[in-house]
PDB file of all heavy atoms in Angstrom:
ATOM      1  N   THR A   1      32.313  40.010-223.857  1.00  0.00           N
ATOM      2  CA  THR A   1      33.725  40.295-224.087  1.00  0.00           C
ATOM      3  C   THR A   1      34.419  40.375-222.735  1.00  0.00           C
ATOM      4  O   THR A   1      33.938  41.045-221.825  1.00  0.00           O
ATOM      5  CB  THR A   1      33.887  41.629-224.832  1.00  0.00           C
ATOM      6  OG1 THR A   1      33.246  41.530-226.102  1.00  0.00           O
ATOM      7  CG2 THR A   1      35.352  41.955-225.028  1.00  0.00           C
ATOM      8  N   MET A   2      35.513  39.656-222.602  1.00  0.00           N
ATOM      9  CA  MET A   2      36.288  39.677-221.370  1.00  0.00           C
ATOM     10  C   MET A   2      37.608  40.404-221.612  1.00  0.00           C
ATOM     11  O   MET A   2      38.088  40.486-222.748  1.00  0.00           O
ATOM     12  CB  MET A   2      36.545  38.262-220.872  1.00  0.00           C
ATOM     13  CG  MET A   2      35.296  37.528-220.440  1.00  0.00           C
ATOM     14  SD  MET A   2      34.466  38.279-219.030  1.00  0.00           S
ATOM     15  CE  MET A   2      35.696  38.039-217.723  1.00  0.00           C
ATOM     16  N   ALA A   3      38.169  40.916-220.552  1.00  0.00           N
ATOM     17  CA  ALA A   3      39.372  41.723-220.710  1.00  0.00           C
ATOM     18  C   ALA A   3      40.262  41.643-219.488  1.00  0.00           C
ATOM     19  O   ALA A   3      39.810  41.292-218.391  1.00  0.00           O
ATOM     20  CB  ALA A   3      39.006  43.178-220.963  1.00  0.00           C
ATOM     21  N   TRP A   4      41.513  41.993-219.703  1.00  0.00           N
ATOM     22  CA  TRP A   4      42.450  42.235-218.621  1.00  0.00           C
ATOM     23  C   TRP A   4      42.669  43.736-218.536  1.00  0.00           C
ATOM     24  O   TRP A   4      42.860  44.408-219.564  1.00  0.00           O
ATOM     25  CB  TRP A   4      43.774  41.520-218.862  1.00  0.00           C
ATOM     26  CG  TRP A   4      43.696  40.060-218.575  1.00  0.00           C
ATOM     27  CD1 TRP A   4      43.452  39.054-219.463  1.00  0.00           C
ATOM     28  CD2 TRP A   4      43.851  39.436-217.299  1.00  0.00           C
ATOM     29  NE1 TRP A   4      43.445  37.846-218.820  1.00  0.00           N
ATOM     30  CE2 TRP A   4      43.687  38.048-217.482  1.00  0.00           C
ATOM     31  CE3 TRP A   4      44.117  39.908-216.010  1.00  0.00           C
ATOM     32  CZ2 TRP A   4      43.784  37.131-216.438  1.00  0.00           C
ATOM     33  CZ3 TRP A   4      44.216  39.007-214.975  1.00  0.00           C
ATOM     34  CH2 TRP A   4      44.053  37.630-215.183  1.00  0.00           C
ATOM     35  N   TYR A   5      42.639  44.243-217.328  1.00  0.00           N
ATOM     36  CA  TYR A   5      42.913  45.637-217.020  1.00  0.00           C
ATOM     37  C   TYR A   5      44.110  45.666-216.064  1.00  0.00           C
ATOM     38  O   TYR A   5      44.424  44.676-215.408  1.00  0.00           O
ATOM     39  CB  TYR A   5      41.721  46.278-216.316  1.00  0.00           C
ATOM     40  CG  TYR A   5      40.406  46.218-217.067  1.00  0.00           C
ATOM     41  CD1 TYR A   5      39.630  45.060-217.098  1.00  0.00           C
ATOM     42  CD2 TYR A   5      39.916  47.346-217.736  1.00  0.00           C
ATOM     43  CE1 TYR A   5      38.427  45.013-217.773  1.00  0.00           C
ATOM     44  CE2 TYR A   5      38.706  47.306-218.412  1.00  0.00           C
ATOM     45  CZ  TYR A   5      37.959  46.142-218.417  1.00  0.00           C
ATOM     46  OH  TYR A   5      36.757  46.108-219.077  1.00  0.00           O
ATOM     47  N   ARG A   6      44.741  46.833-215.968  1.00  0.00           N
ATOM     48  CA  ARG A   6      45.803  46.982-214.981  1.00  0.00           C
ATOM     49  C   ARG A   6      45.788  48.386-214.410  1.00  0.00           C
ATOM     50  O   ARG A   6      45.331  49.333-215.043  1.00  0.00           O
ATOM     51  CB  ARG A   6      47.178  46.666-215.578  1.00  0.00           C
ATOM     52  CG  ARG A   6      47.678  47.660-216.609  1.00  0.00           C
ATOM     53  CD  ARG A   6      49.000  47.165-217.219  1.00  0.00           C
ATOM     54  NE  ARG A   6      49.521  48.094-218.215  1.00  0.00           N
ATOM     55  CZ  ARG A   6      50.581  47.838-218.984  1.00  0.00           C
ATOM     56  NH1 ARG A   6      51.227  46.677-218.875  1.00  0.00           N
ATOM     57  NH2 ARG A   6      50.982  48.747-219.856  1.00  0.00           N
ATOM     58  N   GLN A   7      46.291  48.480-213.195  1.00  0.00           N
ATOM     59  CA  GLN A   7      46.389  49.774-212.536  1.00  0.00           C
ATOM     60  C   GLN A   7      47.724  49.867-211.817  1.00  0.00           C
ATOM     61  O   GLN A   7      48.008  49.074-210.917  1.00  0.00           O
ATOM     62  CB  GLN A   7      45.244  49.974-211.546  1.00  0.00           C
ATOM     63  CG  GLN A   7      45.200  51.367-210.954  1.00  0.00           C
ATOM     64  CD  GLN A   7      43.906  51.648-210.220  1.00  0.00           C
ATOM     65  OE1 GLN A   7      43.197  50.730-209.807  1.00  0.00           O
ATOM     66  NE2 GLN A   7      43.576  52.916-210.067  1.00  0.00           N
ATOM     67  N   ALA A   8      48.508  50.834-212.240  1.00  0.00           N
ATOM     68  CA  ALA A   8      49.788  51.104-211.600  1.00  0.00           C
ATOM     69  C   ALA A   8      49.593  52.162-210.517  1.00  0.00           C
ATOM     70  O   ALA A   8      48.637  52.948-210.590  1.00  0.00           O
ATOM     71  CB  ALA A   8      50.801  51.575-212.632  1.00  0.00           C
ATOM     72  N   PRO A   9      50.466  52.215-209.528  1.00  0.00           N
ATOM     73  CA  PRO A   9      50.321  53.208-208.459  1.00  0.00           C
ATOM     74  C   PRO A   9      50.242  54.625-209.010  1.00  0.00           C
ATOM     75  O   PRO A   9      51.045  55.021-209.855  1.00  0.00           O
ATOM     76  CB  PRO A   9      51.595  53.006-207.633  1.00  0.00           C
ATOM     77  CG  PRO A   9      51.964  51.588-207.862  1.00  0.00           C
ATOM     78  CD  PRO A   9      51.604  51.318-209.303  1.00  0.00           C
ATOM     79  N   GLY A  10      49.230  55.361-208.568  1.00  0.00           N
ATOM     80  CA  GLY A  10      49.076  56.742-208.988  1.00  0.00           C
ATOM     81  C   GLY A  10      48.496  56.929-210.373  1.00  0.00           C
ATOM     82  O   GLY A  10      48.402  58.059-210.851  1.00  0.00           O
ATOM     83  N   LYS A  11      48.106  55.842-211.012  1.00  0.00           N
ATOM     84  CA  LYS A  11      47.551  55.929-212.358  1.00  0.00           C
ATOM     85  C   LYS A  11      46.151  55.343-212.403  1.00  0.00           C
ATOM     86  O   LYS A  11      45.751  54.568-211.534  1.00  0.00           O
ATOM     87  CB  LYS A  11      48.453  55.201-213.350  1.00  0.00           C
ATOM     88  CG  LYS A  11      49.830  55.830-213.511  1.00  0.00           C
ATOM     89  CD  LYS A  11      50.598  55.154-214.625  1.00  0.00           C
ATOM     90  CE  LYS A  11      51.947  55.823-214.854  1.00  0.00           C
ATOM     91  NZ  LYS A  11      52.694  55.179-215.971  1.00  0.00           N
ATOM     92  N   GLN A  12      45.419  55.713-213.455  1.00  0.00           N
ATOM     93  CA  GLN A  12      44.077  55.171-213.629  1.00  0.00           C
ATOM     94  C   GLN A  12      44.158  53.736-214.176  1.00  0.00           C
ATOM     95  O   GLN A  12      45.124  53.348-214.833  1.00  0.00           O
ATOM     96  CB  GLN A  12      43.286  56.048-214.603  1.00  0.00           C
ATOM     97  CG  GLN A  12      42.875  57.396-214.018  1.00  0.00           C
ATOM     98  CD  GLN A  12      41.866  58.114-214.895  1.00  0.00           C
ATOM     99  OE1 GLN A  12      41.802  57.901-216.094  1.00  0.00           O
ATOM    100  NE2 GLN A  12      41.074  58.976-214.289  1.00  0.00           N
ATOM    101  N   ARG A  13      43.124  52.990-213.898  1.00  0.00           N
ATOM    102  CA  ARG A  13      43.049  51.641-214.431  1.00  0.00           C
ATOM    103  C   ARG A  13      42.900  51.713-215.944  1.00  0.00           C
ATOM    104  O   ARG A  13      42.143  52.527-216.464  1.00  0.00           O
ATOM    105  CB  ARG A  13      41.869  50.911-213.813  1.00  0.00           C
ATOM    106  CG  ARG A  13      41.805  49.429-214.103  1.00  0.00           C
ATOM    107  CD  ARG A  13      40.698  48.785-213.275  1.00  0.00           C
ATOM    108  NE  ARG A  13      41.051  48.758-211.853  1.00  0.00           N
ATOM    109  CZ  ARG A  13      40.172  48.506-210.880  1.00  0.00           C
ATOM    110  NH1 ARG A  13      38.911  48.276-211.165  1.00  0.00           N
ATOM    111  NH2 ARG A  13      40.567  48.505-209.632  1.00  0.00           N
ATOM    112  N   GLU A  14      43.640  50.866-216.665  1.00  0.00           N
ATOM    113  CA  GLU A  14      43.581  50.870-218.116  1.00  0.00           C
ATOM    114  C   GLU A  14      43.279  49.475-218.641  1.00  0.00           C
ATOM    115  O   GLU A  14      43.622  48.463-218.021  1.00  0.00           O
ATOM    116  CB  GLU A  14      44.904  51.363-218.713  1.00  0.00           C
ATOM    117  CG  GLU A  14      46.106  50.508-218.396  1.00  0.00           C
ATOM    118  CD  GLU A  14      47.349  50.917-219.168  1.00  0.00           C
ATOM    119  OE1 GLU A  14      47.239  51.625-220.184  1.00  0.00           O
ATOM    120  OE2 GLU A  14      48.454  50.509-218.745  1.00  0.00           O
ATOM    121  N   LEU A  15      42.647  49.436-219.826  1.00  0.00           N
ATOM    122  CA  LEU A  15      42.350  48.174-220.462  1.00  0.00           C
ATOM    123  C   LEU A  15      43.590  47.724-221.223  1.00  0.00           C
ATOM    124  O   LEU A  15      44.122  48.475-222.038  1.00  0.00           O
ATOM    125  CB  LEU A  15      41.148  48.315-221.401  1.00  0.00           C
ATOM    126  CG  LEU A  15      40.503  47.031-221.895  1.00  0.00           C
ATOM    127  CD1 LEU A  15      39.034  47.286-222.235  1.00  0.00           C
ATOM    128  CD2 LEU A  15      41.214  46.473-223.104  1.00  0.00           C
ATOM    129  N   VAL A  16      44.013  46.498-220.969  1.00  0.00           N
ATOM    130  CA  VAL A  16      45.232  45.971-221.575  1.00  0.00           C
ATOM    131  C   VAL A  16      44.916  45.135-222.814  1.00  0.00           C
ATOM    132  O   VAL A  16      45.574  45.280-223.853  1.00  0.00           O
ATOM    133  CB  VAL A  16      46.004  45.115-220.557  1.00  0.00           C
ATOM    134  CG1 VAL A  16      47.199  44.442-221.212  1.00  0.00           C
ATOM    135  CG2 VAL A  16      46.441  45.963-219.371  1.00  0.00           C
ATOM    136  N   ALA A  17      43.938  44.254-222.707  1.00  0.00           N
ATOM    137  CA  ALA A  17      43.585  43.372-223.816  1.00  0.00           C
ATOM    138  C   ALA A  17      42.181  42.859-223.613  1.00  0.00           C
ATOM    139  O   ALA A  17      41.748  42.686-222.467  1.00  0.00           O
ATOM    140  CB  ALA A  17      44.560  42.201-223.909  1.00  0.00           C
ATOM    141  N   SER A  18      41.471  42.637-224.702  1.00  0.00           N
ATOM    142  CA  SER A  18      40.120  42.110-224.607  1.00  0.00           C
ATOM    143  C   SER A  18      39.924  40.997-225.626  1.00  0.00           C
ATOM    144  O   SER A  18      40.651  40.909-226.622  1.00  0.00           O
ATOM    145  CB  SER A  18      39.081  43.215-224.817  1.00  0.00           C
ATOM    146  OG  SER A  18      39.152  43.731-226.128  1.00  0.00           O
ATOM    147  N   ILE A  19      38.888  40.170-225.371  1.00  0.00           N
ATOM    148  CA  ILE A  19      38.643  39.028-226.242  1.00  0.00           C
ATOM    149  C   ILE A  19      37.156  38.696-226.273  1.00  0.00           C
ATOM    150  O   ILE A  19      36.485  38.700-225.252  1.00  0.00           O
ATOM    151  CB  ILE A  19      39.472  37.801-225.772  1.00  0.00           C
ATOM    152  CG1 ILE A  19      39.291  36.620-226.717  1.00  0.00           C
ATOM    153  CG2 ILE A  19      39.139  37.427-224.333  1.00  0.00           C
ATOM    154  CD1 ILE A  19      40.289  35.495-226.480  1.00  0.00           C
ATOM    155  N   THR A  20      36.666  38.429-227.474  1.00  0.00           N
ATOM    156  CA  THR A  20      35.337  37.854-227.606  1.00  0.00           C
ATOM    157  C   THR A  20      35.563  36.381-227.918  1.00  0.00           C
ATOM    158  O   THR A  20      35.959  35.632-227.056  1.00  0.00           O
ATOM    159  CB  THR A  20      34.541  38.569-228.703  1.00  0.00           C
ATOM    160  OG1 THR A  20      35.332  38.620-229.893  1.00  0.00           O
ATOM    161  CG2 THR A  20      34.196  39.992-228.279  1.00  0.00           C
ATOM    162  N   SER A  21      35.350  35.968-229.150  1.00  0.00           N
ATOM    163  CA  SER A  21      35.721  34.607-229.511  1.00  0.00           C
ATOM    164  C   SER A  21      37.177  34.552-229.951  1.00  0.00           C
ATOM    165  O   SER A  21      37.821  33.504-229.906  1.00  0.00           O
ATOM    166  CB  SER A  21      34.807  34.086-230.618  1.00  0.00           C
ATOM    167  OG  SER A  21      34.850  34.952-231.723  1.00  0.00           O
ATOM    168  N   VAL A  22      37.692  35.691-230.394  1.00  0.00           N
ATOM    169  CA  VAL A  22      39.107  35.825-230.747  1.00  0.00           C
ATOM    170  C   VAL A  22      39.612  37.106-230.101  1.00  0.00           C
ATOM    171  O   VAL A  22      38.817  38.002-229.790  1.00  0.00           O
ATOM    172  CB  VAL A  22      39.315  35.871-232.284  1.00  0.00           C
ATOM    173  CG1 VAL A  22      38.900  34.556-232.917  1.00  0.00           C
ATOM    174  CG2 VAL A  22      38.552  37.037-232.892  1.00  0.00           C
ATOM    175  N   PRO A  23      40.929  37.219-229.906  1.00  0.00           N
ATOM    176  CA  PRO A  23      41.434  38.464-229.333  1.00  0.00           C
ATOM    177  C   PRO A  23      41.009  39.657-230.170  1.00  0.00           C
ATOM    178  O   PRO A  23      41.143  39.651-231.386  1.00  0.00           O
ATOM    179  CB  PRO A  23      42.950  38.268-229.353  1.00  0.00           C
ATOM    180  CG  PRO A  23      43.123  36.803-229.258  1.00  0.00           C
ATOM    181  CD  PRO A  23      41.981  36.225-230.055  1.00  0.00           C
ATOM    182  N   THR A  24      40.499  40.663-229.524  1.00  0.00           N
ATOM    183  CA  THR A  24      39.948  41.788-230.260  1.00  0.00           C
ATOM    184  C   THR A  24      40.708  43.087-230.087  1.00  0.00           C
ATOM    185  O   THR A  24      40.589  43.974-230.917  1.00  0.00           O
ATOM    186  CB  THR A  24      38.494  42.024-229.834  1.00  0.00           C
ATOM    187  OG1 THR A  24      38.437  42.206-228.425  1.00  0.00           O
ATOM    188  CG2 THR A  24      37.613  40.856-230.224  1.00  0.00           C
ATOM    189  N   MET A  25      41.439  43.211-229.008  1.00  0.00           N
ATOM    190  CA  MET A  25      42.094  44.490-228.763  1.00  0.00           C
ATOM    191  C   MET A  25      43.290  44.319-227.848  1.00  0.00           C
ATOM    192  O   MET A  25      43.236  43.530-226.907  1.00  0.00           O
ATOM    193  CB  MET A  25      41.104  45.459-228.107  1.00  0.00           C
ATOM    194  CG  MET A  25      41.693  46.783-227.633  1.00  0.00           C
ATOM    195  SD  MET A  25      42.305  46.695-225.935  1.00  0.00           S
ATOM    196  CE  MET A  25      43.028  48.331-225.798  1.00  0.00           C
ATOM    197  N   TYR A  26      44.355  45.008-228.180  1.00  0.00           N
ATOM    198  CA  TYR A  26      45.514  45.122-227.302  1.00  0.00           C
ATOM    199  C   TYR A  26      45.906  46.586-227.199  1.00  0.00           C
ATOM    200  O   TYR A  26      45.893  47.307-228.200  1.00  0.00           O
ATOM    201  CB  TYR A  26      46.714  44.337-227.853  1.00  0.00           C
ATOM    202  CG  TYR A  26      46.560  42.834-227.832  1.00  0.00           C
ATOM    203  CD1 TYR A  26      46.188  42.134-228.967  1.00  0.00           C
ATOM    204  CD2 TYR A  26      46.773  42.120-226.659  1.00  0.00           C
ATOM    205  CE1 TYR A  26      46.039  40.754-228.945  1.00  0.00           C
ATOM    206  CE2 TYR A  26      46.632  40.737-226.631  1.00  0.00           C
ATOM    207  CZ  TYR A  26      46.270  40.059-227.776  1.00  0.00           C
ATOM    208  OH  TYR A  26      46.123  38.692-227.749  1.00  0.00           O
ATOM    209  N   ALA A  27      46.256  47.011-226.017  1.00  0.00           N
ATOM    210  CA  ALA A  27      46.817  48.343-225.860  1.00  0.00           C
ATOM    211  C   ALA A  27      48.137  48.416-226.633  1.00  0.00           C
ATOM    212  O   ALA A  27      48.863  47.415-226.721  1.00  0.00           O
ATOM    213  CB  ALA A  27      47.059  48.647-224.390  1.00  0.00           C
TER     214      ALA A  27
END
C-alpha cells in the first residue's frame, strides 16, 4: 500500500491518502 503524507510547520506528519489496487483511504 502506498500513500501520500504531509507535514505542516509545527505539526505532526499525517497520512493524506493511501492506495492498494484502488484508493483505500482519504483523510
